[in-house]
Amino acid sequence: MPNGIYIQTEYHGKLIRKIVCNGEERWFIGSDCAVTFLSMDDCMAAIDACRA
């Protein structure tokens, strides 16, 4: 699979993106690709934790 952003969605006003880089799928919130997650569910959990 080529490199690039493949999914972009919004959850509680925060943008979630799925990116593929060198064959590895990673998820991140907004434009902060320094902090990545293994799944969209992990991103949603992180957003929920910040809202609590």
C-alpha atoms as a PDB file:
ATOM      1  CA  MET A   1       0.000   0.000   0.000  1.00  0.00           C
ATOM      2  CA  PRO A   2       1.469   3.393  -0.959  1.00  0.00           C
ATOM      3  CA  ASN A   3       2.204   6.051   1.651  1.00  0.00           C
ATOM      4  CA  GLY A   4      -0.494   8.626   2.374  1.00  0.00           C
ATOM      5  CA  ILE A   5      -3.572   9.521   4.402  1.00  0.00           C
ATOM      6  CA  TYR A   6      -6.340   6.990   3.840  1.00  0.00           C
ATOM      7  CA  ILE A   7      -9.094   7.816   6.326  1.00  0.00           C
ATOM      8  CA  GLN A   8     -10.081  11.116   7.811  1.00  0.00           C
ATOM      9  CA  THR A   9     -13.035  11.454  10.181  1.00  0.00           C
ATOM     10  CA  GLU A  10     -14.192  13.602  13.065  1.00  0.00           C
ATOM     11  CA  TYR A  11     -14.961  12.554  16.641  1.00  0.00           C
ATOM     12  CA  HIS A  12     -16.250  15.095  19.202  1.00  0.00           C
ATOM     13  CA  GLY A  13     -14.873  17.935  17.074  1.00  0.00           C
ATOM     14  CA  LYS A  14     -11.401  16.397  16.749  1.00  0.00           C
ATOM     15  CA  LEU A  15     -10.011  15.234  13.428  1.00  0.00           C
ATOM     16  CA  ILE A  16      -8.764  11.620  13.320  1.00  0.00           C
ATOM     17  CA  ARG A  17      -6.540  10.490  10.455  1.00  0.00           C
ATOM     18  CA  LYS A  18      -5.198   7.126   9.355  1.00  0.00           C
ATOM     19  CA  ILE A  19      -1.833   7.327   7.656  1.00  0.00           C
ATOM     20  CA  VAL A  20       0.276   4.677   5.983  1.00  0.00           C
ATOM     21  CA  CYS A  21       4.024   5.209   6.044  1.00  0.00           C
ATOM     22  CA  ASN A  22       6.463   2.564   4.804  1.00  0.00           C
ATOM     23  CA  GLY A  23       3.712  -0.054   4.927  1.00  0.00           C
ATOM     24  CA  GLU A  24       2.791   0.694   8.553  1.00  0.00           C
ATOM     25  CA  GLU A  25      -0.712   1.937   9.435  1.00  0.00           C
ATOM     26  CA  ARG A  26      -0.875   4.559  12.185  1.00  0.00           C
ATOM     27  CA  TRP A  27      -3.645   6.784  13.510  1.00  0.00           C
ATOM     28  CA  PHE A  28      -3.322  10.295  14.909  1.00  0.00           C
ATOM     29  CA  ILE A  29      -5.473  13.164  16.168  1.00  0.00           C
ATOM     30  CA  GLY A  30      -5.528  16.494  14.344  1.00  0.00           C
ATOM     31  CA  SER A  31      -2.151  17.355  12.871  1.00  0.00           C
ATOM     32  CA  ASP A  32      -0.099  15.926  15.768  1.00  0.00           C
ATOM     33  CA  CYS A  33       1.539  13.013  13.950  1.00  0.00           C
ATOM     34  CA  ALA A  34       4.249  12.852  16.632  1.00  0.00           C
ATOM     35  CA  VAL A  35       1.743  10.959  18.821  1.00  0.00           C
ATOM     36  CA  THR A  36       0.270   8.003  16.952  1.00  0.00           C
ATOM     37  CA  PHE A  37      -2.065   5.157  17.865  1.00  0.00           C
ATOM     38  CA  LEU A  38      -2.589   1.609  16.597  1.00  0.00           C
ATOM     39  CA  SER A  39      -6.314   2.034  15.858  1.00  0.00           C
ATOM     40  CA  MET A  40      -9.107   4.555  15.487  1.00  0.00           C
ATOM     41  CA  ASP A  41     -10.608   3.192  18.725  1.00  0.00           C
ATOM     42  CA  ASP A  42      -7.387   4.141  20.553  1.00  0.00           C
ATOM     43  CA  CYS A  43      -7.676   7.697  19.174  1.00  0.00           C
ATOM     44  CA  MET A  44     -11.302   7.928  20.294  1.00  0.00           C
ATOM     45  CA  ALA A  45     -10.354   6.665  23.776  1.00  0.00           C
ATOM     46  CA  ALA A  46      -7.619   9.328  24.013  1.00  0.00           C
ATOM     47  CA  ILE A  47     -10.117  12.044  23.010  1.00  0.00           C
ATOM     48  CA  ASP A  48     -12.608  10.750  25.593  1.00  0.00           C
ATOM     49  CA  ALA A  49      -9.910  10.747  28.282  1.00  0.00           C
ATOM     50  CA  CYS A  50      -9.107  14.407  27.563  1.00  0.00           C
ATOM     51  CA  ARG A  51     -12.786  15.338  27.814  1.00  0.00           C
ATOM     52  CA  ALA A  52     -13.275  13.681  31.218  1.00  0.00           C
END
